[in-house]
Protein backbone atom coordinates (compact mmCIF):
# COMPACT_ATOMS: atom_id res chain seq x y z
CA GLN A 1 191.46 -36.02 113.01
CA VAL A 2 189.70 -39.01 114.46
CA GLN A 3 185.95 -39.09 114.08
CA LEU A 4 183.39 -41.61 115.30
CA VAL A 5 179.80 -41.52 114.15
CA GLU A 6 177.18 -43.75 115.72
CA SER A 7 173.88 -44.78 114.14
CA GLY A 8 171.11 -47.27 114.64
CA GLY A 9 169.49 -46.10 117.81
CA GLY A 10 165.79 -45.75 118.31
CA LEU A 11 162.64 -46.89 120.15
CA VAL A 12 162.14 -50.65 120.58
CA GLN A 13 159.70 -52.74 122.60
CA PRO A 14 161.00 -54.95 125.45
CA GLY A 15 162.31 -58.17 124.03
CA GLY A 16 163.27 -56.54 120.78
CA SER A 17 166.56 -56.10 119.03
CA LEU A 18 168.65 -53.22 117.62
CA ARG A 19 172.05 -53.07 115.92
CA LEU A 20 174.21 -49.97 116.47
CA SER A 21 176.98 -49.01 114.08
CA CYS A 22 179.99 -46.74 114.64
CA ALA A 23 181.75 -45.58 111.51
CA THR A 24 185.28 -44.32 111.98
CA SER A 25 187.59 -41.97 110.02
CA GLY A 26 191.04 -40.54 110.56
CA ILE A 27 192.58 -43.82 111.99
CA ILE A 28 193.94 -47.04 110.62
CA PHE A 29 190.97 -48.84 112.13
CA SER A 30 192.39 -52.32 112.24
CA PHE A 31 195.14 -51.22 114.58
CA TYR A 32 192.81 -49.95 117.31
CA ASP A 33 190.69 -51.36 120.09
CA MET A 34 187.12 -50.11 120.14
CA GLY A 35 184.38 -49.92 122.75
CA TRP A 36 180.74 -49.16 123.42
CA HIS A 37 179.62 -47.40 126.54
CA ARG A 38 176.19 -46.16 127.68
CA GLN A 39 174.86 -43.55 130.06
CA ALA A 40 171.34 -43.53 131.43
CA PRO A 41 169.78 -40.40 133.00
CA GLY A 42 171.20 -39.83 136.51
CA LYS A 43 173.76 -42.66 136.20
CA GLN A 44 177.43 -42.89 135.42
CA ARG A 45 178.69 -43.87 131.99
CA GLU A 46 179.38 -47.67 131.99
CA LEU A 47 181.18 -50.10 129.75
CA VAL A 48 178.87 -52.11 127.55
CA ALA A 49 181.34 -54.00 125.34
CA ALA A 50 184.86 -53.71 123.98
CA ILE A 51 186.78 -55.41 121.23
CA THR A 52 190.55 -55.42 120.73
CA SER A 53 192.37 -55.00 117.39
CA GLY A 54 192.75 -58.75 117.43
CA GLY A 55 189.07 -59.41 117.94
CA ARG A 56 189.03 -60.29 121.60
CA THR A 57 185.77 -59.20 123.27
CA ASN A 58 184.75 -58.14 126.74
CA TYR A 59 181.26 -57.37 128.05
CA GLY A 60 179.61 -55.65 130.98
CA ASP A 61 177.89 -58.07 133.34
CA SER A 62 174.43 -56.67 132.61
CA VAL A 63 174.64 -57.36 128.88
CA LYS A 64 176.49 -60.68 128.71
CA GLY A 65 174.66 -63.21 126.60
CA ARG A 66 172.41 -60.58 125.09
CA PHE A 67 174.76 -58.12 123.28
CA THR A 68 177.46 -58.86 120.74
CA ILE A 69 180.25 -56.51 119.65
CA SER A 70 181.89 -57.02 116.31
CA ARG A 71 184.08 -55.16 113.86
CA ASP A 72 184.52 -54.89 110.10
CA ASN A 73 188.08 -53.73 109.47
CA ALA A 74 187.46 -53.26 105.78
CA LYS A 75 184.66 -50.81 106.51
CA GLY A 76 186.28 -49.22 109.54
CA THR A 77 183.10 -49.85 111.55
CA VAL A 78 182.29 -51.44 114.86
CA TYR A 79 178.89 -52.91 115.63
CA LEU A 80 176.77 -53.65 118.71
CA GLN A 81 174.03 -56.20 118.20
CA MET A 82 171.60 -55.89 121.08
CA ASN A 83 169.02 -58.64 121.66
CA SER A 84 166.39 -59.23 124.36
CA LEU A 85 166.34 -55.55 125.14
CA GLN A 86 164.88 -54.43 128.44
CA PRO A 87 163.74 -51.04 129.77
CA GLU A 88 166.87 -50.86 131.88
CA ASP A 89 168.95 -50.87 128.65
CA THR A 90 167.50 -47.38 127.88
CA ALA A 91 170.49 -44.97 127.58
CA VAL A 92 172.57 -42.95 125.23
CA TYR A 93 175.07 -45.34 123.69
CA TYR A 94 178.56 -44.04 122.82
CA CYS A 95 181.32 -45.47 120.64
CA ASN A 96 184.84 -44.85 121.73
CA SER A 97 188.47 -45.36 120.68
CA PRO A 98 190.31 -45.74 123.97
CA GLN A 99 193.77 -45.40 122.51
CA THR A 100 192.97 -42.07 120.86
CA GLY A 101 190.65 -40.83 123.60
CA THR A 102 187.92 -40.17 121.07
CA TRP A 103 184.21 -40.49 121.62
CA GLY A 104 181.25 -40.33 119.30
CA GLN A 105 178.29 -38.06 119.80
CA GLY A 106 176.09 -40.83 121.02
CA THR A 107 172.85 -42.47 119.85
CA GLN A 108 169.69 -42.79 122.00
CA VAL A 109 168.26 -46.24 122.65
CA THR A 110 164.83 -46.33 124.29
CA VAL A 111 163.21 -49.59 125.34
CA SER A 112 159.54 -49.13 126.15
CA SER A 113 156.16 -50.60 125.42
């Protein structure tokens, strides 16, 4: 059974930073691509960032240059470093494993002064 558990969300002021983590279990993590998506109230879920099993990365246009996705295969964890956060980044952030179709429960990120 594949499980993804996000952590690291919270309230941050504009211009601040947060690092999200997604711990996995039930898969041989190094074999799988991973992704982060987000969903703001009243909006569709959108891709934030993705990383392949080989470490190739892809980002949504709105976060390029500000967010960085990375992975630690030894820990079975994928990270999302978020810098220069803005109010429009406020959303629930979800980790996913596209090849298994598994999603985490989400973690709330709120950017507000």
